[in-house]
Amino acid sequence: MKSEEMNVFHKSCFQIKHNTLFQRLMILALFFTHFLAFSFSQSQKGIASYYGKRATGRLTSSGERLHHDSLTCAHRTHPFGTLLKVFNPHNGQQVVVKVNDRGPFGRGRIIDLSWSAARQLGILRRGIANVEVTVYDPLTEGPPPPADSIPPVQY
């Protein structure tokens, strides 16, 4: 009789340990998803630079070829395909770009823009600018402004 009671006791202890471990993992998972969603919804302020025209044709981290007339960018954390709104507070210009590369890896830089995006923001002359980057949501902000209609480049 005592051995049966011991088995029941061991089973209930295992269930308690298993349940608390599961609960801890769930709380941890919820915390991280909330943290990631919060960090992606916030804006970033920092320095933007751009790819020169000579980078045209280079393969990006996403596998696409870079073209200087496309409105694309490199960002360290946002997933490929994410639309970002980049605002230049110095002159009030803004542009919507698509993430298709990783970087920048220069100190203090938060985004690398294509040549065309840099031109629209007015940063070609200086080469860098302080910008504010936010995730662009077409559902709440409407469709992005039309980009220059450029045919796809075949290499």
C-alpha atoms as a PDB file:
ATOM      1  CA  MET A   1       0.000   0.000   0.000  1.00  0.00           C
ATOM      2  CA  LYS A   2       2.799   2.366   0.772  1.00  0.00           C
ATOM      3  CA  SER A   3       4.446   1.794  -2.595  1.00  0.00           C
ATOM      4  CA  GLU A   4       1.248   2.800  -4.401  1.00  0.00           C
ATOM      5  CA  GLU A   5       1.051   5.982  -2.331  1.00  0.00           C
ATOM      6  CA  MET A   6       4.695   6.707  -3.165  1.00  0.00           C
ATOM      7  CA  ASN A   7       4.044   6.256  -6.899  1.00  0.00           C
ATOM      8  CA  VAL A   8       1.069   8.630  -6.754  1.00  0.00           C
ATOM      9  CA  PHE A   9       3.193  11.108  -4.803  1.00  0.00           C
ATOM     10  CA  HIS A  10       6.030  10.934  -7.380  1.00  0.00           C
ATOM     11  CA  LYS A  11       3.590  11.334 -10.270  1.00  0.00           C
ATOM     12  CA  SER A  12       1.965  14.391  -8.700  1.00  0.00           C
ATOM     13  CA  CYS A  13       5.392  15.945  -7.983  1.00  0.00           C
ATOM     14  CA  PHE A  14       6.402  15.372 -11.610  1.00  0.00           C
ATOM     15  CA  GLN A  15       3.181  16.987 -12.809  1.00  0.00           C
ATOM     16  CA  ILE A  16       3.724  20.009 -10.568  1.00  0.00           C
ATOM     17  CA  LYS A  17       7.320  20.410 -11.752  1.00  0.00           C
ATOM     18  CA  HIS A  18       6.266  19.921 -15.378  1.00  0.00           C
ATOM     19  CA  ASN A  19       3.417  22.433 -15.090  1.00  0.00           C
ATOM     20  CA  THR A  20       5.580  25.116 -13.472  1.00  0.00           C
ATOM     21  CA  LEU A  21       8.276  24.623 -16.100  1.00  0.00           C
ATOM     22  CA  PHE A  22       5.650  24.923 -18.827  1.00  0.00           C
ATOM     23  CA  GLN A  23       4.199  28.036 -17.206  1.00  0.00           C
ATOM     24  CA  ARG A  24       7.633  29.625 -16.930  1.00  0.00           C
ATOM     25  CA  LEU A  25       8.374  28.893 -20.581  1.00  0.00           C
ATOM     26  CA  MET A  26       5.051  30.373 -21.662  1.00  0.00           C
ATOM     27  CA  ILE A  27       5.635  33.541 -19.624  1.00  0.00           C
ATOM     28  CA  LEU A  28       9.116  33.840 -21.109  1.00  0.00           C
ATOM     29  CA  ALA A  29       7.765  33.357 -24.654  1.00  0.00           C
ATOM     30  CA  LEU A  30       5.050  35.975 -24.108  1.00  0.00           C
ATOM     31  CA  PHE A  31       7.603  38.399 -22.716  1.00  0.00           C
ATOM     32  CA  PHE A  32       9.883  38.033 -25.735  1.00  0.00           C
ATOM     33  CA  THR A  33       7.096  38.310 -28.305  1.00  0.00           C
ATOM     34  CA  HIS A  34       5.807  41.418 -26.546  1.00  0.00           C
ATOM     35  CA  PHE A  35       9.328  42.847 -26.417  1.00  0.00           C
ATOM     36  CA  LEU A  36       9.955  42.152 -30.108  1.00  0.00           C
ATOM     37  CA  ALA A  37       6.606  43.589 -31.175  1.00  0.00           C
ATOM     38  CA  PHE A  38       7.255  46.656 -29.040  1.00  0.00           C
ATOM     39  CA  SER A  39      10.762  47.154 -30.406  1.00  0.00           C
ATOM     40  CA  PHE A  40       9.631  46.827 -34.039  1.00  0.00           C
ATOM     41  CA  SER A  41       6.756  49.253 -33.547  1.00  0.00           C
ATOM     42  CA  GLN A  42       8.984  51.966 -32.123  1.00  0.00           C
ATOM     43  CA  SER A  43      10.928  54.418 -34.199  1.00  0.00           C
ATOM     44  CA  GLN A  44      14.701  54.554 -34.386  1.00  0.00           C
ATOM     45  CA  LYS A  45      16.731  57.718 -34.646  1.00  0.00           C
ATOM     46  CA  GLY A  46      20.239  57.665 -35.979  1.00  0.00           C
ATOM     47  CA  ILE A  47      22.496  58.127 -38.968  1.00  0.00           C
ATOM     48  CA  ALA A  48      21.615  56.927 -42.458  1.00  0.00           C
ATOM     49  CA  SER A  49      24.108  56.378 -45.254  1.00  0.00           C
ATOM     50  CA  TYR A  50      23.605  55.083 -48.779  1.00  0.00           C
ATOM     51  CA  TYR A  51      24.961  52.691 -51.389  1.00  0.00           C
ATOM     52  CA  GLY A  52      26.776  54.366 -54.249  1.00  0.00           C
ATOM     53  CA  LYS A  53      25.807  53.730 -57.857  1.00  0.00           C
ATOM     54  CA  ARG A  54      28.799  51.401 -58.182  1.00  0.00           C
ATOM     55  CA  ALA A  55      27.003  48.886 -55.947  1.00  0.00           C
ATOM     56  CA  THR A  56      24.401  48.291 -58.678  1.00  0.00           C
ATOM     57  CA  GLY A  57      24.220  44.608 -59.576  1.00  0.00           C
ATOM     58  CA  ARG A  58      25.630  43.380 -56.270  1.00  0.00           C
ATOM     59  CA  LEU A  59      23.732  40.551 -54.602  1.00  0.00           C
ATOM     60  CA  THR A  60      22.043  41.532 -51.351  1.00  0.00           C
ATOM     61  CA  SER A  61      21.583  39.270 -48.317  1.00  0.00           C
ATOM     62  CA  SER A  62      18.040  38.481 -49.449  1.00  0.00           C
ATOM     63  CA  GLY A  63      19.312  37.224 -52.818  1.00  0.00           C
ATOM     64  CA  GLU A  64      17.993  40.183 -54.819  1.00  0.00           C
ATOM     65  CA  ARG A  65      20.278  42.272 -56.968  1.00  0.00           C
ATOM     66  CA  LEU A  66      20.787  45.838 -55.862  1.00  0.00           C
ATOM     67  CA  HIS A  67      19.806  48.563 -58.302  1.00  0.00           C
ATOM     68  CA  HIS A  68      20.512  52.201 -57.560  1.00  0.00           C
ATOM     69  CA  ASP A  69      17.057  53.287 -58.775  1.00  0.00           C
ATOM     70  CA  SER A  70      15.141  50.957 -56.449  1.00  0.00           C
ATOM     71  CA  LEU A  71      13.748  52.146 -53.128  1.00  0.00           C
ATOM     72  CA  THR A  72      15.441  49.576 -50.916  1.00  0.00           C
ATOM     73  CA  CYS A  73      17.591  49.558 -47.805  1.00  0.00           C
ATOM     74  CA  ALA A  74      19.750  47.503 -45.486  1.00  0.00           C
ATOM     75  CA  HIS A  75      18.721  47.136 -41.855  1.00  0.00           C
ATOM     76  CA  ARG A  76      20.199  44.969 -39.103  1.00  0.00           C
ATOM     77  CA  THR A  77      17.034  43.575 -37.506  1.00  0.00           C
ATOM     78  CA  HIS A  78      13.894  44.102 -39.574  1.00  0.00           C
ATOM     79  CA  PRO A  79      12.861  41.074 -41.677  1.00  0.00           C
ATOM     80  CA  PHE A  80      13.366  41.153 -45.438  1.00  0.00           C
ATOM     81  CA  GLY A  81      10.382  42.691 -47.196  1.00  0.00           C
ATOM     82  CA  THR A  82       9.479  45.015 -44.316  1.00  0.00           C
ATOM     83  CA  LEU A  83       8.488  48.487 -45.476  1.00  0.00           C
ATOM     84  CA  LEU A  84      10.176  51.276 -43.535  1.00  0.00           C
ATOM     85  CA  LYS A  85       9.390  54.980 -43.587  1.00  0.00           C
ATOM     86  CA  VAL A  86      12.566  57.052 -43.377  1.00  0.00           C
ATOM     87  CA  PHE A  87      12.138  60.705 -42.402  1.00  0.00           C
ATOM     88  CA  ASN A  88      14.823  63.375 -42.699  1.00  0.00           C
ATOM     89  CA  PRO A  89      13.979  66.008 -40.036  1.00  0.00           C
ATOM     90  CA  HIS A  90      16.518  68.462 -41.463  1.00  0.00           C
ATOM     91  CA  ASN A  91      14.498  69.073 -44.651  1.00  0.00           C
ATOM     92  CA  GLY A  92      11.153  67.333 -43.937  1.00  0.00           C
ATOM     93  CA  GLN A  93      11.575  64.786 -46.768  1.00  0.00           C
ATOM     94  CA  GLN A  94      10.492  61.154 -46.331  1.00  0.00           C
ATOM     95  CA  VAL A  95      10.617  57.955 -48.341  1.00  0.00           C
ATOM     96  CA  VAL A  96       9.242  54.424 -47.980  1.00  0.00           C
ATOM     97  CA  VAL A  97      11.819  51.695 -48.609  1.00  0.00           C
ATOM     98  CA  LYS A  98      11.828  47.894 -48.564  1.00  0.00           C
ATOM     99  CA  VAL A  99      14.385  45.971 -46.480  1.00  0.00           C
ATOM    100  CA  ASN A 100      16.366  43.602 -48.734  1.00  0.00           C
ATOM    101  CA  ASP A 101      19.841  43.579 -47.162  1.00  0.00           C
ATOM    102  CA  ARG A 102      21.614  43.376 -43.803  1.00  0.00           C
ATOM    103  CA  GLY A 103      23.676  46.180 -42.357  1.00  0.00           C
ATOM    104  CA  PRO A 104      24.899  48.823 -41.954  1.00  0.00           C
ATOM    105  CA  PHE A 105      27.882  47.792 -39.968  1.00  0.00           C
ATOM    106  CA  GLY A 106      29.391  51.254 -39.651  1.00  0.00           C
ATOM    107  CA  ARG A 107      29.461  52.679 -36.164  1.00  0.00           C
ATOM    108  CA  GLY A 108      26.379  54.720 -35.292  1.00  0.00           C
ATOM    109  CA  ARG A 109      24.555  53.944 -38.540  1.00  0.00           C
ATOM    110  CA  ILE A 110      21.044  52.523 -38.399  1.00  0.00           C
ATOM    111  CA  ILE A 111      20.163  52.161 -42.094  1.00  0.00           C
ATOM    112  CA  ASP A 112      21.836  52.004 -45.521  1.00  0.00           C
ATOM    113  CA  LEU A 113      19.672  53.374 -48.319  1.00  0.00           C
ATOM    114  CA  SER A 114      19.739  52.839 -52.060  1.00  0.00           C
ATOM    115  CA  TRP A 115      20.991  55.778 -54.132  1.00  0.00           C
ATOM    116  CA  SER A 116      17.457  56.673 -55.249  1.00  0.00           C
ATOM    117  CA  ALA A 117      16.102  56.681 -51.687  1.00  0.00           C
ATOM    118  CA  ALA A 118      19.018  58.859 -50.571  1.00  0.00           C
ATOM    119  CA  ARG A 119      18.293  61.253 -53.452  1.00  0.00           C
ATOM    120  CA  GLN A 120      14.640  61.538 -52.402  1.00  0.00           C
ATOM    121  CA  LEU A 121      15.717  62.284 -48.826  1.00  0.00           C
ATOM    122  CA  GLY A 122      18.241  64.865 -49.993  1.00  0.00           C
ATOM    123  CA  ILE A 123      21.335  63.284 -48.455  1.00  0.00           C
ATOM    124  CA  LEU A 124      23.474  62.682 -51.550  1.00  0.00           C
ATOM    125  CA  ARG A 125      25.623  65.746 -51.031  1.00  0.00           C
ATOM    126  CA  ARG A 126      26.638  65.043 -47.419  1.00  0.00           C
ATOM    127  CA  GLY A 127      26.567  61.261 -47.734  1.00  0.00           C
ATOM    128  CA  ILE A 128      24.964  60.781 -44.318  1.00  0.00           C
ATOM    129  CA  ALA A 129      22.070  62.320 -42.431  1.00  0.00           C
ATOM    130  CA  ASN A 130      20.221  62.024 -39.150  1.00  0.00           C
ATOM    131  CA  VAL A 131      16.949  60.249 -39.822  1.00  0.00           C
ATOM    132  CA  GLU A 132      13.995  58.701 -38.054  1.00  0.00           C
ATOM    133  CA  VAL A 133      12.998  55.176 -39.145  1.00  0.00           C
ATOM    134  CA  THR A 134       9.576  53.660 -38.446  1.00  0.00           C
ATOM    135  CA  VAL A 135       7.790  50.582 -39.746  1.00  0.00           C
ATOM    136  CA  TYR A 136       5.394  51.569 -42.522  1.00  0.00           C
ATOM    137  CA  ASP A 137       1.926  50.037 -42.221  1.00  0.00           C
ATOM    138  CA  PRO A 138      -0.049  50.354 -45.472  1.00  0.00           C
ATOM    139  CA  LEU A 139      -3.300  49.435 -43.677  1.00  0.00           C
ATOM    140  CA  THR A 140      -3.205  52.482 -41.418  1.00  0.00           C
ATOM    141  CA  GLU A 141      -1.149  54.878 -43.551  1.00  0.00           C
ATOM    142  CA  GLY A 142      -2.527  54.014 -46.978  1.00  0.00           C
ATOM    143  CA  PRO A 143      -0.536  52.831 -49.982  1.00  0.00           C
ATOM    144  CA  PRO A 144       3.063  54.017 -50.227  1.00  0.00           C
ATOM    145  CA  PRO A 145       3.790  56.918 -52.524  1.00  0.00           C
ATOM    146  CA  PRO A 146       4.400  55.710 -56.090  1.00  0.00           C
ATOM    147  CA  ALA A 147       8.015  54.954 -56.881  1.00  0.00           C
ATOM    148  CA  ASP A 148       9.527  55.866 -60.208  1.00  0.00           C
ATOM    149  CA  SER A 149       8.318  53.310 -62.721  1.00  0.00           C
ATOM    150  CA  ILE A 150      11.533  51.540 -63.630  1.00  0.00           C
ATOM    151  CA  PRO A 151      11.531  48.250 -65.505  1.00  0.00           C
ATOM    152  CA  PRO A 152      13.266  45.370 -63.710  1.00  0.00           C
ATOM    153  CA  VAL A 153      16.924  44.986 -64.626  1.00  0.00           C
ATOM    154  CA  GLN A 154      18.061  41.620 -65.986  1.00  0.00           C
ATOM    155  CA  TYR A 155      21.649  40.517 -65.344  1.00  0.00           C
END
